[in-house]
């Protein structure tokens, strides 16, 4: 079975713990709506880098 990684770049950090909880609740609602298609919803990719098409790092 083919697997894909969904990558989200951008956005602002929550300004308070309460805002963070609201954002996370929306995220979990979305993840749940995807059903069995989501294999590993809580497997973060840490220490990542973005490489531009010209090969430079950002």
Protein backbone atom coordinates (compact mmCIF):
# COMPACT_ATOMS: atom_id res chain seq x y z
CA UNK A 1 0.00 0.00 0.00
CA UNK A 2 1.37 3.40 -0.97
CA UNK A 3 1.93 5.78 1.93
CA UNK A 4 2.25 9.56 1.87
CA UNK A 5 3.42 12.21 4.30
CA UNK A 6 1.30 15.31 4.75
CA UNK A 7 3.55 18.30 5.36
CA UNK A 8 2.26 21.63 6.59
CA UNK A 9 4.57 24.64 6.51
CA UNK A 10 3.62 28.04 7.79
CA UNK A 11 1.12 29.45 10.17
CA UNK A 12 1.60 31.14 13.48
CA UNK A 13 2.30 29.65 16.87
CA UNK A 14 -0.67 29.80 19.26
CA UNK A 15 -0.54 32.92 21.40
CA UNK A 16 -1.72 31.10 24.53
CA UNK A 17 -2.13 27.56 25.85
CA UNK A 18 -5.89 27.89 25.37
CA UNK A 19 -5.46 28.84 21.71
CA UNK A 20 -3.10 25.89 21.31
CA UNK A 21 -5.72 23.52 22.73
CA UNK A 22 -8.36 24.88 20.34
CA UNK A 23 -6.03 24.47 17.37
CA UNK A 24 -5.14 20.92 18.42
CA UNK A 25 -8.84 20.05 18.81
CA UNK A 26 -9.50 21.23 15.22
CA UNK A 27 -6.51 19.21 14.02
CA UNK A 28 -7.75 16.07 15.77
CA UNK A 29 -11.25 16.57 14.34
CA UNK A 30 -9.75 16.76 10.85
CA UNK A 31 -7.53 13.72 11.42
CA UNK A 32 -10.51 11.72 12.69
CA UNK A 33 -12.54 12.69 9.62
CA UNK A 34 -9.92 11.01 7.43
CA UNK A 35 -10.81 7.63 8.92
CA UNK A 36 -8.67 4.56 8.34
CA UNK A 37 -6.67 6.38 5.66
CA UNK A 38 -4.45 7.82 8.39
CA UNK A 39 -1.91 5.22 9.44
CA UNK A 40 0.29 7.10 11.90
CA UNK A 41 -1.27 10.46 12.83
CA UNK A 42 1.06 11.22 15.71
CA UNK A 43 4.41 10.42 14.19
CA UNK A 44 6.10 13.83 13.99
CA UNK A 45 9.09 14.49 11.79
CA UNK A 46 11.59 16.33 13.97
CA UNK A 47 14.75 18.21 13.11
CA UNK A 48 13.70 18.66 9.50
CA UNK A 49 14.95 21.07 6.87
CA UNK A 50 13.45 22.68 3.80
CA UNK A 51 15.50 22.55 0.63
CA UNK A 52 14.61 24.99 -2.14
CA UNK A 53 14.53 23.89 -5.80
CA UNK A 54 17.92 25.53 -6.31
CA UNK A 55 19.40 23.31 -3.58
CA UNK A 56 19.79 25.95 -0.90
CA UNK A 57 18.57 25.33 2.62
CA UNK A 58 16.03 27.52 4.33
